[in-house]
């Protein structure tokens, strides 16, 4: 019985100690915002192509954020699975301990969630 409990404990610990997942395929490059929506107010903002609000991700785990093509912030990022089974991927910026839901589907990327009065930003890839 003790052996079984010890074995279960070791397996649970091993699964809990996952390192960051490899970066999502297609992440590196420039992504321009197209839509932001959510919050308790239920806002929905659409942005035209060429608006200059860009997230740029680099292979050295750094990012830059531009508004109207002017650099406004940047730093580091990491991507990890989240949830008991790792069913959702989260992105963490600048060492934050609270991540944001994150997904890439081809040339489209979403950061954030509209659940619990949150905001989701939808981006389209504009350059590698």
N, C-alpha and C. Protein backbone atom coordinates (compact mmCIF):
# COMPACT_ATOMS: atom_id res chain seq x y z
N UNK A 1 0.82 -1.19 0.00
CA UNK A 1 0.00 0.00 0.00
C UNK A 1 0.86 1.26 0.00
N UNK A 2 1.92 1.27 0.83
CA UNK A 2 2.81 2.43 0.88
C UNK A 2 3.50 2.64 -0.46
N UNK A 3 3.87 1.54 -1.11
CA UNK A 3 4.53 1.64 -2.41
C UNK A 3 3.61 2.28 -3.43
N UNK A 4 2.34 1.91 -3.42
CA UNK A 4 1.37 2.48 -4.36
C UNK A 4 1.19 3.96 -4.11
N UNK A 5 1.06 4.36 -2.86
CA UNK A 5 0.89 5.77 -2.52
C UNK A 5 2.14 6.56 -2.93
N UNK A 6 3.31 6.01 -2.65
CA UNK A 6 4.56 6.67 -3.03
C UNK A 6 4.65 6.81 -4.55
N UNK A 7 4.30 5.78 -5.28
CA UNK A 7 4.33 5.82 -6.74
C UNK A 7 3.38 6.89 -7.27
N UNK A 8 2.17 6.97 -6.73
CA UNK A 8 1.21 7.99 -7.16
C UNK A 8 1.75 9.38 -6.85
N UNK A 9 2.34 9.56 -5.67
CA UNK A 9 2.92 10.84 -5.28
C UNK A 9 4.03 11.26 -6.25
N UNK A 10 4.91 10.35 -6.60
CA UNK A 10 6.01 10.65 -7.52
C UNK A 10 5.48 11.02 -8.90
N UNK A 11 4.48 10.32 -9.38
CA UNK A 11 3.90 10.62 -10.70
C UNK A 11 3.25 12.00 -10.69
N UNK A 12 2.49 12.31 -9.65
CA UNK A 12 1.83 13.62 -9.55
C UNK A 12 2.87 14.73 -9.50
N UNK A 13 3.92 14.54 -8.73
CA UNK A 13 4.98 15.55 -8.65
C UNK A 13 5.67 15.74 -9.99
N UNK A 14 5.94 14.66 -10.69
CA UNK A 14 6.59 14.75 -11.99
C UNK A 14 5.72 15.50 -12.99
N UNK A 15 4.43 15.25 -12.98
CA UNK A 15 3.53 15.95 -13.90
C UNK A 15 3.37 17.41 -13.53
N UNK A 16 3.44 17.75 -12.27
CA UNK A 16 3.27 19.12 -11.81
C UNK A 16 4.50 19.98 -12.11
N UNK A 17 5.64 19.36 -12.33
CA UNK A 17 6.89 20.10 -12.52
C UNK A 17 7.24 20.27 -13.99
N UNK A 18 6.26 20.52 -14.82
CA UNK A 18 6.54 20.71 -16.24
C UNK A 18 7.27 22.02 -16.47
N UNK A 19 8.18 22.00 -17.42
CA UNK A 19 8.85 23.23 -17.84
C UNK A 19 7.97 23.90 -18.87
N UNK A 20 8.36 25.11 -19.27
CA UNK A 20 7.62 25.81 -20.31
C UNK A 20 7.57 24.96 -21.56
N UNK A 21 6.44 24.99 -22.20
CA UNK A 21 6.28 24.26 -23.45
C UNK A 21 7.08 24.96 -24.54
N UNK A 22 7.43 24.24 -25.59
CA UNK A 22 8.08 24.90 -26.72
C UNK A 22 7.16 25.98 -27.26
N UNK A 23 7.74 27.02 -27.79
CA UNK A 23 6.97 28.13 -28.33
C UNK A 23 6.06 27.63 -29.45
N UNK A 24 4.89 28.22 -29.52
CA UNK A 24 3.90 27.83 -30.52
C UNK A 24 4.45 28.00 -31.94
N UNK A 25 4.20 27.03 -32.81
CA UNK A 25 4.64 27.16 -34.20
C UNK A 25 4.02 28.41 -34.84
N UNK A 26 4.83 29.15 -35.54
CA UNK A 26 4.34 30.34 -36.24
C UNK A 26 4.27 31.59 -35.40
N UNK A 27 4.70 31.54 -34.14
CA UNK A 27 4.58 32.70 -33.26
C UNK A 27 5.49 33.85 -33.67
N UNK A 28 6.72 33.55 -34.03
CA UNK A 28 7.70 34.60 -34.27
C UNK A 28 7.29 35.47 -35.45
N UNK A 29 7.45 36.78 -35.25
CA UNK A 29 7.10 37.75 -36.28
C UNK A 29 6.23 38.84 -35.70
N UNK A 30 5.57 39.57 -36.61
CA UNK A 30 4.74 40.71 -36.21
C UNK A 30 3.26 40.39 -36.39
N UNK A 31 2.48 40.77 -35.37
CA UNK A 31 1.04 40.54 -35.34
C UNK A 31 0.34 41.87 -35.12
N UNK A 32 -0.60 42.21 -36.00
CA UNK A 32 -1.32 43.48 -35.87
C UNK A 32 -2.73 43.24 -35.33
N UNK A 33 -3.16 44.08 -34.42
CA UNK A 33 -4.48 43.92 -33.81
C UNK A 33 -5.59 44.19 -34.83
N UNK A 34 -6.66 43.40 -34.72
CA UNK A 34 -7.83 43.59 -35.58
C UNK A 34 -9.10 43.81 -34.78
N UNK A 35 -9.13 43.28 -33.53
CA UNK A 35 -10.34 43.42 -32.73
C UNK A 35 -10.01 43.24 -31.25
N UNK A 36 -10.70 43.99 -30.40
CA UNK A 36 -10.67 43.81 -28.94
C UNK A 36 -12.11 43.83 -28.47
N UNK A 37 -12.44 42.88 -27.60
CA UNK A 37 -13.82 42.83 -27.12
C UNK A 37 -13.87 42.23 -25.73
N UNK A 38 -14.97 42.52 -25.05
CA UNK A 38 -15.20 41.95 -23.72
C UNK A 38 -15.46 43.00 -22.68
N UNK A 39 -15.18 42.68 -21.45
CA UNK A 39 -15.34 43.46 -20.22
C UNK A 39 -16.80 43.53 -19.82
N UNK A 40 -17.02 44.04 -18.64
CA UNK A 40 -18.38 44.14 -18.12
C UNK A 40 -19.22 45.09 -18.98
N UNK A 41 -18.57 46.05 -19.62
CA UNK A 41 -19.29 47.00 -20.49
C UNK A 41 -19.63 46.39 -21.84
N UNK A 42 -19.02 45.27 -22.17
CA UNK A 42 -19.31 44.59 -23.43
C UNK A 42 -18.86 45.36 -24.66
N UNK A 43 -17.70 46.02 -24.58
CA UNK A 43 -17.24 46.78 -25.75
C UNK A 43 -16.71 45.86 -26.84
N UNK A 44 -16.70 46.38 -28.05
CA UNK A 44 -16.22 45.64 -29.21
C UNK A 44 -15.60 46.66 -30.17
N UNK A 45 -14.26 46.66 -30.25
CA UNK A 45 -13.55 47.61 -31.10
C UNK A 45 -12.89 46.87 -32.25
N UNK A 46 -13.09 47.36 -33.45
CA UNK A 46 -12.49 46.79 -34.65
C UNK A 46 -11.45 47.77 -35.19
N UNK A 47 -10.32 47.21 -35.65
CA UNK A 47 -9.21 48.02 -36.15
C UNK A 47 -8.93 47.64 -37.60
N UNK A 48 -8.68 48.64 -38.43
CA UNK A 48 -8.38 48.41 -39.84
C UNK A 48 -6.93 47.95 -40.01
N UNK A 49 -6.67 47.27 -41.11
CA UNK A 49 -5.30 46.87 -41.45
C UNK A 49 -4.44 48.13 -41.57
N UNK A 50 -3.20 48.04 -41.08
CA UNK A 50 -2.29 49.18 -41.14
C UNK A 50 -2.43 50.13 -39.96
N UNK A 51 -3.12 49.72 -38.90
CA UNK A 51 -3.34 50.60 -37.75
C UNK A 51 -2.10 50.80 -36.89
N UNK A 52 -1.10 49.92 -37.00
CA UNK A 52 0.17 50.10 -36.30
C UNK A 52 0.22 49.61 -34.87
N UNK A 53 -0.84 48.95 -34.37
CA UNK A 53 -0.79 48.34 -33.04
C UNK A 53 -0.31 46.91 -33.24
N UNK A 54 0.95 46.68 -32.90
CA UNK A 54 1.64 45.45 -33.27
C UNK A 54 2.32 44.81 -32.07
N UNK A 55 2.18 43.48 -31.98
CA UNK A 55 2.96 42.65 -31.06
C UNK A 55 4.02 41.95 -31.91
N UNK A 56 5.28 42.09 -31.53
CA UNK A 56 6.36 41.41 -32.25
C UNK A 56 7.02 40.42 -31.29
N UNK A 57 7.05 39.15 -31.69
CA UNK A 57 7.66 38.10 -30.89
C UNK A 57 8.95 37.63 -31.56
N UNK A 58 10.01 37.48 -30.77
CA UNK A 58 11.30 37.03 -31.28
C UNK A 58 11.68 35.68 -30.67
N UNK A 59 12.57 34.98 -31.35
CA UNK A 59 12.96 33.62 -30.92
C UNK A 59 13.75 33.59 -29.62
N UNK A 60 14.24 34.74 -29.15
CA UNK A 60 14.96 34.77 -27.88
C UNK A 60 14.03 35.01 -26.69
N UNK A 61 12.73 34.76 -26.89
CA UNK A 61 11.68 34.92 -25.86
C UNK A 61 11.51 36.37 -25.42
N UNK A 62 11.71 37.29 -26.35
CA UNK A 62 11.42 38.70 -26.09
C UNK A 62 10.30 39.16 -27.01
N UNK A 63 9.65 40.23 -26.60
CA UNK A 63 8.59 40.81 -27.41
C UNK A 63 8.68 42.33 -27.37
N UNK A 64 8.06 42.96 -28.35
CA UNK A 64 7.92 44.41 -28.39
C UNK A 64 6.46 44.72 -28.72
N UNK A 65 5.95 45.79 -28.14
CA UNK A 65 4.57 46.20 -28.37
C UNK A 65 4.57 47.63 -28.90
N UNK A 66 3.95 47.82 -30.05
CA UNK A 66 3.90 49.11 -30.71
C UNK A 66 2.45 49.61 -30.79
N UNK A 67 2.27 50.90 -30.58
CA UNK A 67 0.98 51.54 -30.82
C UNK A 67 1.24 52.65 -31.83
N UNK A 68 0.48 52.62 -32.92
CA UNK A 68 0.67 53.56 -34.03
C UNK A 68 2.13 53.56 -34.47
N UNK A 69 2.70 52.36 -34.57
CA UNK A 69 4.06 52.11 -35.02
C UNK A 69 5.14 52.71 -34.11
N UNK A 70 4.79 53.09 -32.88
CA UNK A 70 5.78 53.60 -31.93
C UNK A 70 5.92 52.59 -30.80
N UNK A 71 7.15 52.23 -30.49
CA UNK A 71 7.42 51.27 -29.42
C UNK A 71 6.93 51.83 -28.10
N UNK A 72 6.05 51.08 -27.42
CA UNK A 72 5.52 51.53 -26.13
C UNK A 72 5.93 50.63 -24.98
N UNK A 73 6.24 49.37 -25.26
CA UNK A 73 6.69 48.47 -24.20
C UNK A 73 7.35 47.24 -24.81
N UNK A 74 7.91 46.43 -23.96
CA UNK A 74 8.56 45.20 -24.41
C UNK A 74 9.11 44.46 -23.21
N UNK A 75 9.74 43.36 -23.47
CA UNK A 75 10.32 42.56 -22.41
C UNK A 75 10.39 41.10 -22.80
N UNK A 76 10.14 40.24 -21.82
CA UNK A 76 10.22 38.80 -22.06
C UNK A 76 8.83 38.17 -21.99
N UNK A 77 8.73 36.97 -22.54
CA UNK A 77 7.49 36.21 -22.46
C UNK A 77 7.82 34.74 -22.31
N UNK A 78 6.84 34.01 -21.79
CA UNK A 78 6.94 32.55 -21.76
C UNK A 78 5.54 31.99 -21.98
N UNK A 79 5.48 30.80 -22.52
CA UNK A 79 4.21 30.16 -22.83
C UNK A 79 4.18 28.81 -22.13
N UNK A 80 3.11 28.54 -21.39
CA UNK A 80 2.98 27.28 -20.67
C UNK A 80 1.55 26.78 -20.73
N UNK A 81 1.37 25.47 -20.58
CA UNK A 81 0.01 24.95 -20.46
C UNK A 81 -0.57 25.37 -19.12
N UNK A 82 -1.88 25.47 -19.04
CA UNK A 82 -2.54 25.90 -17.82
C UNK A 82 -3.74 25.01 -17.56
N UNK A 83 -4.05 24.80 -16.33
CA UNK A 83 -5.18 23.95 -15.95
C UNK A 83 -4.67 22.60 -15.50
N UNK A 84 -5.54 21.87 -14.85
CA UNK A 84 -5.16 20.57 -14.29
C UNK A 84 -4.60 19.62 -15.35
N UNK A 85 -5.11 19.72 -16.56
CA UNK A 85 -4.65 18.83 -17.63
C UNK A 85 -3.87 19.58 -18.70
N UNK A 86 -3.54 20.84 -18.45
CA UNK A 86 -2.83 21.64 -19.44
C UNK A 86 -3.66 21.91 -20.67
N UNK A 87 -4.98 22.01 -20.48
CA UNK A 87 -5.89 22.12 -21.62
C UNK A 87 -5.91 23.50 -22.27
N UNK A 88 -5.40 24.51 -21.58
CA UNK A 88 -5.37 25.87 -22.13
C UNK A 88 -3.93 26.35 -22.10
N UNK A 89 -3.50 27.03 -23.12
CA UNK A 89 -2.16 27.59 -23.15
C UNK A 89 -2.24 29.04 -22.68
N UNK A 90 -1.31 29.43 -21.81
CA UNK A 90 -1.25 30.81 -21.33
C UNK A 90 0.08 31.44 -21.72
N UNK A 91 0.05 32.75 -21.91
CA UNK A 91 1.27 33.51 -22.16
C UNK A 91 1.48 34.44 -20.97
N UNK A 92 2.72 34.52 -20.53
CA UNK A 92 3.11 35.33 -19.38
C UNK A 92 4.13 36.36 -19.87
N UNK A 93 3.89 37.63 -19.54
CA UNK A 93 4.79 38.70 -19.96
C UNK A 93 5.62 39.21 -18.78
N UNK A 94 6.90 39.43 -19.01
CA UNK A 94 7.81 40.07 -18.05
C UNK A 94 7.80 39.44 -16.66
N UNK A 95 7.78 38.12 -16.61
CA UNK A 95 7.86 37.43 -15.33
C UNK A 95 6.57 37.42 -14.53
N UNK A 96 5.46 37.89 -15.10
CA UNK A 96 4.19 37.86 -14.38
C UNK A 96 3.86 36.44 -13.95
N UNK A 97 3.16 36.32 -12.83
CA UNK A 97 2.73 35.01 -12.36
C UNK A 97 1.31 34.69 -12.79
N UNK A 98 0.61 35.67 -13.31
CA UNK A 98 -0.74 35.46 -13.84
C UNK A 98 -0.68 35.62 -15.35
N UNK A 99 -0.98 34.54 -16.07
CA UNK A 99 -0.92 34.57 -17.51
C UNK A 99 -2.27 34.87 -18.14
N UNK A 100 -2.25 35.01 -19.44
CA UNK A 100 -3.46 35.25 -20.21
C UNK A 100 -3.66 34.09 -21.18
N UNK A 101 -4.90 33.63 -21.35
CA UNK A 101 -5.16 32.60 -22.35
C UNK A 101 -4.61 33.04 -23.71
N UNK A 102 -4.09 32.07 -24.45
CA UNK A 102 -3.34 32.39 -25.66
C UNK A 102 -3.54 31.28 -26.68
N UNK A 103 -3.80 31.65 -27.93
CA UNK A 103 -3.93 30.64 -28.98
C UNK A 103 -3.51 31.21 -30.33
N UNK A 104 -2.98 30.31 -31.16
CA UNK A 104 -2.63 30.65 -32.54
C UNK A 104 -3.31 29.64 -33.44
N UNK A 105 -3.92 30.14 -34.50
CA UNK A 105 -4.55 29.28 -35.50
C UNK A 105 -4.16 29.85 -36.86
N UNK A 106 -3.08 29.30 -37.43
CA UNK A 106 -2.60 29.81 -38.72
C UNK A 106 -2.05 31.21 -38.57
N UNK A 107 -2.70 32.18 -39.24
CA UNK A 107 -2.24 33.57 -39.17
C UNK A 107 -3.07 34.40 -38.20
N UNK A 108 -3.82 33.74 -37.33
CA UNK A 108 -4.64 34.45 -36.35
C UNK A 108 -4.18 34.08 -34.94
N UNK A 109 -4.16 35.09 -34.06
CA UNK A 109 -3.73 34.88 -32.68
C UNK A 109 -4.70 35.61 -31.75
N UNK A 110 -5.04 34.97 -30.63
CA UNK A 110 -5.87 35.58 -29.60
C UNK A 110 -5.13 35.59 -28.29
N UNK A 111 -5.19 36.72 -27.59
CA UNK A 111 -4.61 36.85 -26.26
C UNK A 111 -5.70 37.39 -25.35
N UNK A 112 -5.96 36.68 -24.25
CA UNK A 112 -6.96 37.10 -23.29
C UNK A 112 -8.22 36.28 -23.42
N UNK A 113 -9.22 36.64 -22.62
CA UNK A 113 -10.49 35.94 -22.63
C UNK A 113 -11.60 36.92 -22.26
N UNK A 114 -12.78 36.69 -22.78
CA UNK A 114 -13.91 37.54 -22.42
C UNK A 114 -14.67 36.97 -21.22
N UNK A 115 -14.25 35.80 -20.72
CA UNK A 115 -14.86 35.25 -19.50
C UNK A 115 -14.50 36.12 -18.30
N UNK A 116 -15.35 36.14 -17.32
CA UNK A 116 -15.12 36.90 -16.09
C UNK A 116 -14.76 38.36 -16.36
N UNK A 117 -15.47 38.96 -17.27
CA UNK A 117 -15.30 40.38 -17.60
C UNK A 117 -13.91 40.72 -18.14
N UNK A 118 -13.24 39.76 -18.72
CA UNK A 118 -11.92 39.99 -19.30
C UNK A 118 -12.03 40.57 -20.70
N UNK A 119 -10.90 40.77 -21.31
CA UNK A 119 -10.82 41.32 -22.67
C UNK A 119 -9.99 40.37 -23.52
N UNK A 120 -10.44 40.12 -24.73
CA UNK A 120 -9.68 39.31 -25.67
C UNK A 120 -9.27 40.19 -26.84
N UNK A 121 -8.00 40.07 -27.24
CA UNK A 121 -7.48 40.81 -28.38
C UNK A 121 -7.20 39.81 -29.50
N UNK A 122 -7.68 40.12 -30.68
CA UNK A 122 -7.51 39.27 -31.86
C UNK A 122 -6.51 39.93 -32.80
N UNK A 123 -5.44 39.20 -33.16
CA UNK A 123 -4.38 39.70 -34.02
C UNK A 123 -4.30 38.89 -35.30
N UNK A 124 -3.75 39.50 -36.34
CA UNK A 124 -3.47 38.84 -37.60
C UNK A 124 -1.97 39.01 -37.90
N UNK A 125 -1.32 37.94 -38.36
CA UNK A 125 0.11 38.00 -38.65
C UNK A 125 0.34 38.85 -39.90
N UNK A 126 1.28 39.82 -39.76
CA UNK A 126 1.56 40.72 -40.87
C UNK A 126 2.98 40.59 -41.41
N UNK A 127 3.88 39.94 -40.64
CA UNK A 127 5.26 39.74 -41.10
C UNK A 127 5.92 38.65 -40.28
N UNK A 128 6.86 37.94 -40.90
CA UNK A 128 7.64 36.94 -40.17
C UNK A 128 8.81 37.56 -39.49
